[in-house]
Structure formats: structure tokens, C-alpha cells
Amino acid sequence: MAEEQDDQIEALIREIAQKHGIVVGRDDPIFVLQTINHRLMQDSAKAQRAQIEGLKEEMEALAQRWGLDAKEKSERVLNASLVAGKQAMAQLMEEGTRTSARVLVNELDDLLARLAQPLREARQLAVFNVVASCITLLAAVVALWGTLR
């Protein structure tokens, strides 16, 4: 570091001589200002590095917090979507069940309507058979009574 400062001083002496035509020695009081200036620049650079580091840490914390917030919000949106999807599925299933039940009831009504007429006819036939049997029985009773008398 001392060599670096010596090189800077030599470069400054040459630059002053070239630009202004003045020869200055290493013990010239002007170099006190250069030393002070150099020290201030180093201190300023340290302070800037510290500020940049603090800003970097703050930005990392903000980015992490934003990431967590975004994750929480996306989870809430996802959960709301899942709930809405479940509700929609339940509603569709309920509507499907109702439709299926209506179709089944209609089919059963049609089947019963088709069976009702043959059942009525079978009932009438059974009634006629019972009446005919009663008449046959009555005729047999009359015939038996007529032969026994």
C-alpha cells in the first residue's frame, strides 16, 4: 500500500510538472493535501461499502419477504380455486344425480304405463274366470240337485 501511494505521488509530481511547468519535491506541503484527500477517499470508500452491504442485506430481506408474501397469496388463490372446483363438482354431481333420477322416474312411469293395460286386462280376465267358475259351479249344483230329487 505504501508503494502504491509512492507511485501515486511520483505520478502526481510528473503530471504537475507536465501541465504547469512547476517542479515540486516530495516534501512540498501540497502533498499534505494529497494525503488528506487520499485518506478521505479511503474512508469514503469504506463507508460506501458498508452502506452498500447494508442496502444489499435490506434488499435480500425485502426479496425474501416478498417471496413469502407471494407464496402465501398464491396458496390462498390455489386453495380458493380448489374450494370453488370442489363446489362446482358437487353441484354438477348433484345436477347429474337429479337428471338421472328424473330419467329413471320417467322410464319407470313409461314401463308402468305399458304394464298397466295388460294388468287391467289380466285382472278383467281373472274376474271373468271367477264369474264363469261360479256359474259353472252353480250349474253343477243345479244339475246335482235336479238328479238327486
C-alpha atoms as a PDB file:
ATOM      1  CA  MET A   1       0.000   0.000   0.000  1.00  0.00           C
ATOM      2  CA  ALA A   2       2.900   2.326   0.751  1.00  0.00           C
ATOM      3  CA  GLU A   3       4.380   1.510  -2.666  1.00  0.00           C
ATOM      4  CA  GLU A   4       1.063   2.298  -4.277  1.00  0.00           C
ATOM      5  CA  GLN A   5       0.943   5.689  -2.546  1.00  0.00           C
ATOM      6  CA  ASP A   6       4.584   6.383  -3.545  1.00  0.00           C
ATOM      7  CA  ASP A   7       3.715   5.532  -7.157  1.00  0.00           C
ATOM      8  CA  GLN A   8       0.740   7.889  -6.978  1.00  0.00           C
ATOM      9  CA  ILE A   9       2.904  10.698  -5.606  1.00  0.00           C
ATOM     10  CA  GLU A  10       5.505  10.177  -8.360  1.00  0.00           C
ATOM     11  CA  ALA A  11       2.748  10.189 -10.979  1.00  0.00           C
ATOM     12  CA  LEU A  12       1.324  13.384  -9.450  1.00  0.00           C
ATOM     13  CA  ILE A  13       4.742  15.108  -9.441  1.00  0.00           C
ATOM     14  CA  ARG A  14       5.175  14.264 -13.144  1.00  0.00           C
ATOM     15  CA  GLU A  15       1.636  15.443 -14.004  1.00  0.00           C
ATOM     16  CA  ILE A  16       2.148  18.791 -12.201  1.00  0.00           C
ATOM     17  CA  ALA A  17       5.468  19.287 -13.988  1.00  0.00           C
ATOM     18  CA  GLN A  18       3.932  18.497 -17.396  1.00  0.00           C
ATOM     19  CA  LYS A  19       0.772  20.568 -17.046  1.00  0.00           C
ATOM     20  CA  HIS A  20       2.011  23.522 -15.076  1.00  0.00           C
ATOM     21  CA  GLY A  21       5.745  23.522 -15.648  1.00  0.00           C
ATOM     22  CA  ILE A  22       6.446  23.569 -11.904  1.00  0.00           C
ATOM     23  CA  VAL A  23       8.737  21.135 -10.197  1.00  0.00           C
ATOM     24  CA  VAL A  24       7.571  20.057  -6.773  1.00  0.00           C
ATOM     25  CA  GLY A  25       9.501  17.919  -4.305  1.00  0.00           C
ATOM     26  CA  ARG A  26       8.216  15.099  -2.188  1.00  0.00           C
ATOM     27  CA  ASP A  27       8.379  17.323   0.904  1.00  0.00           C
ATOM     28  CA  ASP A  28       6.168  20.048  -0.623  1.00  0.00           C
ATOM     29  CA  PRO A  29       3.187  20.996   1.597  1.00  0.00           C
ATOM     30  CA  ILE A  30       0.835  20.342  -1.338  1.00  0.00           C
ATOM     31  CA  PHE A  31       1.269  16.616  -0.691  1.00  0.00           C
ATOM     32  CA  VAL A  32      -0.244  17.056   2.757  1.00  0.00           C
ATOM     33  CA  LEU A  33      -3.475  17.916   0.938  1.00  0.00           C
ATOM     34  CA  GLN A  34      -2.999  14.920  -1.350  1.00  0.00           C
ATOM     35  CA  THR A  35      -2.515  12.646   1.677  1.00  0.00           C
ATOM     36  CA  ILE A  36      -5.596  14.093   3.378  1.00  0.00           C
ATOM     37  CA  ASN A  37      -7.566  13.736   0.137  1.00  0.00           C
ATOM     38  CA  HIS A  38      -6.374  10.141  -0.265  1.00  0.00           C
ATOM     39  CA  ARG A  39      -7.346   9.326   3.336  1.00  0.00           C
ATOM     40  CA  LEU A  40     -10.786  10.916   2.901  1.00  0.00           C
ATOM     41  CA  MET A  41     -11.329   8.917  -0.266  1.00  0.00           C
ATOM     42  CA  GLN A  42     -10.415   5.662   1.530  1.00  0.00           C
ATOM     43  CA  ASP A  43     -12.746   6.479   4.430  1.00  0.00           C
ATOM     44  CA  SER A  44     -15.481   7.400   1.986  1.00  0.00           C
ATOM     45  CA  ALA A  45     -14.992   4.138   0.082  1.00  0.00           C
ATOM     46  CA  LYS A  46     -15.245   2.152   3.353  1.00  0.00           C
ATOM     47  CA  ALA A  47     -18.433   3.997   4.298  1.00  0.00           C
ATOM     48  CA  GLN A  48     -19.889   3.412   0.838  1.00  0.00           C
ATOM     49  CA  ARG A  49     -19.041  -0.308   1.026  1.00  0.00           C
ATOM     50  CA  ALA A  50     -20.746  -0.515   4.423  1.00  0.00           C
ATOM     51  CA  GLN A  51     -23.815   1.293   3.082  1.00  0.00           C
ATOM     52  CA  ILE A  52     -23.908  -0.947   0.011  1.00  0.00           C
ATOM     53  CA  GLU A  53     -23.634  -4.036   2.226  1.00  0.00           C
ATOM     54  CA  GLY A  54     -26.478  -2.766   4.438  1.00  0.00           C
ATOM     55  CA  LEU A  55     -28.575  -1.990   1.373  1.00  0.00           C
ATOM     56  CA  LYS A  56     -27.812  -5.421  -0.051  1.00  0.00           C
ATOM     57  CA  GLU A  57     -28.934  -7.104   3.189  1.00  0.00           C
ATOM     58  CA  GLU A  58     -32.073  -4.964   3.284  1.00  0.00           C
ATOM     59  CA  MET A  59     -32.870  -5.808  -0.339  1.00  0.00           C
ATOM     60  CA  GLU A  60     -32.335  -9.528   0.344  1.00  0.00           C
ATOM     61  CA  ALA A  61     -34.692  -9.316   3.345  1.00  0.00           C
ATOM     62  CA  LEU A  62     -37.270  -7.487   1.221  1.00  0.00           C
ATOM     63  CA  ALA A  63     -36.949 -10.030  -1.576  1.00  0.00           C
ATOM     64  CA  GLN A  64     -37.373 -12.873   0.911  1.00  0.00           C
ATOM     65  CA  ARG A  65     -40.419 -11.188   2.467  1.00  0.00           C
ATOM     66  CA  TRP A  66     -41.911 -10.539  -0.981  1.00  0.00           C
ATOM     67  CA  GLY A  67     -41.283 -14.160  -1.886  1.00  0.00           C
ATOM     68  CA  LEU A  68     -43.064 -15.343   1.250  1.00  0.00           C
ATOM     69  CA  ASP A  69     -45.949 -12.922   0.609  1.00  0.00           C
ATOM     70  CA  ALA A  70     -46.230 -14.107  -2.984  1.00  0.00           C
ATOM     71  CA  LYS A  71     -46.168 -17.728  -1.824  1.00  0.00           C
ATOM     72  CA  GLU A  72     -48.905 -17.081   0.750  1.00  0.00           C
ATOM     73  CA  LYS A  73     -51.041 -15.263  -1.803  1.00  0.00           C
ATOM     74  CA  SER A  74     -50.586 -17.993  -4.395  1.00  0.00           C
ATOM     75  CA  GLU A  75     -51.504 -20.618  -1.781  1.00  0.00           C
ATOM     76  CA  ARG A  76     -54.648 -18.648  -0.912  1.00  0.00           C
ATOM     77  CA  VAL A  77     -55.576 -18.371  -4.584  1.00  0.00           C
ATOM     78  CA  LEU A  78     -54.902 -22.076  -5.107  1.00  0.00           C
ATOM     79  CA  ASN A  79     -56.969 -23.039  -2.053  1.00  0.00           C
ATOM     80  CA  ALA A  80     -59.822 -20.787  -3.186  1.00  0.00           C
ATOM     81  CA  SER A  81     -59.642 -22.383  -6.633  1.00  0.00           C
ATOM     82  CA  LEU A  82     -59.722 -25.859  -5.110  1.00  0.00           C
ATOM     83  CA  VAL A  83     -62.742 -24.967  -2.973  1.00  0.00           C
ATOM     84  CA  ALA A  84     -64.513 -23.453  -5.971  1.00  0.00           C
ATOM     85  CA  GLY A  85     -63.651 -26.536  -8.034  1.00  0.00           C
ATOM     86  CA  LYS A  86     -64.992 -28.862  -5.350  1.00  0.00           C
ATOM     87  CA  GLN A  87     -68.175 -26.824  -5.096  1.00  0.00           C
ATOM     88  CA  ALA A  88     -68.609 -26.851  -8.867  1.00  0.00           C
ATOM     89  CA  MET A  89     -68.022 -30.621  -8.967  1.00  0.00           C
ATOM     90  CA  ALA A  90     -70.528 -31.176  -6.153  1.00  0.00           C
ATOM     91  CA  GLN A  91     -73.074 -29.010  -7.934  1.00  0.00           C
ATOM     92  CA  LEU A  92     -72.521 -30.834 -11.228  1.00  0.00           C
ATOM     93  CA  MET A  93     -72.775 -34.211  -9.496  1.00  0.00           C
ATOM     94  CA  GLU A  94     -75.996 -33.122  -7.780  1.00  0.00           C
ATOM     95  CA  GLU A  95     -77.440 -31.910 -11.074  1.00  0.00           C
ATOM     96  CA  GLY A  96     -76.361 -35.160 -12.745  1.00  0.00           C
ATOM     97  CA  THR A  97     -77.976 -37.187  -9.982  1.00  0.00           C
ATOM     98  CA  ARG A  98     -81.198 -35.211 -10.298  1.00  0.00           C
ATOM     99  CA  THR A  99     -81.198 -35.647 -14.064  1.00  0.00           C
ATOM    100  CA  SER A 100     -80.525 -39.380 -13.739  1.00  0.00           C
ATOM    101  CA  ALA A 101     -83.300 -39.713 -11.151  1.00  0.00           C
ATOM    102  CA  ARG A 102     -85.727 -37.819 -13.423  1.00  0.00           C
ATOM    103  CA  VAL A 103     -84.817 -40.042 -16.364  1.00  0.00           C
ATOM    104  CA  LEU A 104     -85.220 -43.161 -14.194  1.00  0.00           C
ATOM    105  CA  VAL A 105     -88.615 -41.980 -12.886  1.00  0.00           C
ATOM    106  CA  ASN A 106     -89.759 -41.211 -16.441  1.00  0.00           C
ATOM    107  CA  GLU A 107     -88.600 -44.648 -17.630  1.00  0.00           C
ATOM    108  CA  LEU A 108     -90.362 -46.355 -14.726  1.00  0.00           C
ATOM    109  CA  ASP A 109     -93.541 -44.336 -15.380  1.00  0.00           C
ATOM    110  CA  ASP A 110     -93.431 -45.361 -19.040  1.00  0.00           C
ATOM    111  CA  LEU A 111     -92.837 -49.006 -18.093  1.00  0.00           C
ATOM    112  CA  LEU A 112     -95.664 -48.964 -15.557  1.00  0.00           C
ATOM    113  CA  ALA A 113     -97.950 -47.299 -18.082  1.00  0.00           C
ATOM    114  CA  ARG A 114     -97.149 -50.046 -20.574  1.00  0.00           C
ATOM    115  CA  LEU A 115     -97.716 -52.730 -17.940  1.00  0.00           C
ATOM    116  CA  ALA A 116    -100.916 -51.182 -16.604  1.00  0.00           C
ATOM    117  CA  GLN A 117    -103.050 -52.094 -19.620  1.00  0.00           C
ATOM    118  CA  PRO A 118    -102.032 -55.787 -19.698  1.00  0.00           C
ATOM    119  CA  LEU A 119    -102.503 -55.936 -15.912  1.00  0.00           C
ATOM    120  CA  ARG A 120    -106.017 -54.468 -16.252  1.00  0.00           C
ATOM    121  CA  GLU A 121    -106.784 -56.962 -18.970  1.00  0.00           C
ATOM    122  CA  ALA A 122    -105.405 -59.840 -16.858  1.00  0.00           C
ATOM    123  CA  ARG A 123    -107.493 -58.646 -13.907  1.00  0.00           C
ATOM    124  CA  GLN A 124    -110.651 -58.480 -16.042  1.00  0.00           C
ATOM    125  CA  LEU A 125    -109.878 -61.953 -17.398  1.00  0.00           C
ATOM    126  CA  ALA A 126    -109.403 -63.251 -13.847  1.00  0.00           C
ATOM    127  CA  VAL A 127    -112.723 -61.696 -12.808  1.00  0.00           C
ATOM    128  CA  PHE A 128    -114.443 -63.252 -15.827  1.00  0.00           C
ATOM    129  CA  ASN A 129    -112.861 -66.629 -14.976  1.00  0.00           C
ATOM    130  CA  VAL A 130    -114.076 -66.376 -11.379  1.00  0.00           C
ATOM    131  CA  VAL A 131    -117.584 -65.435 -12.590  1.00  0.00           C
ATOM    132  CA  ALA A 132    -117.516 -68.297 -15.125  1.00  0.00           C
ATOM    133  CA  SER A 133    -116.331 -70.694 -12.458  1.00  0.00           C
ATOM    134  CA  CYS A 134    -119.121 -69.538 -10.178  1.00  0.00           C
ATOM    135  CA  ILE A 135    -121.683 -70.030 -12.947  1.00  0.00           C
ATOM    136  CA  THR A 136    -120.244 -73.484 -13.729  1.00  0.00           C
ATOM    137  CA  LEU A 137    -120.351 -74.376 -10.058  1.00  0.00           C
ATOM    138  CA  LEU A 138    -123.940 -73.136  -9.791  1.00  0.00           C
ATOM    139  CA  ALA A 139    -124.890 -75.138 -12.882  1.00  0.00           C
ATOM    140  CA  ALA A 140    -123.235 -78.246 -11.430  1.00  0.00           C
ATOM    141  CA  VAL A 141    -125.060 -77.697  -8.131  1.00  0.00           C
ATOM    142  CA  VAL A 142    -128.405 -77.291 -10.002  1.00  0.00           C
ATOM    143  CA  ALA A 143    -127.704 -80.399 -12.092  1.00  0.00           C
ATOM    144  CA  LEU A 144    -126.806 -82.363  -8.997  1.00  0.00           C
ATOM    145  CA  TRP A 145    -129.883 -81.163  -7.173  1.00  0.00           C
ATOM    146  CA  GLY A 146    -132.064 -81.998 -10.175  1.00  0.00           C
ATOM    147  CA  THR A 147    -130.709 -85.594 -10.323  1.00  0.00           C
ATOM    148  CA  LEU A 148    -130.978 -86.156  -6.661  1.00  0.00           C
ATOM    149  CA  ARG A 149    -134.532 -85.090  -6.458  1.00  0.00           C
END
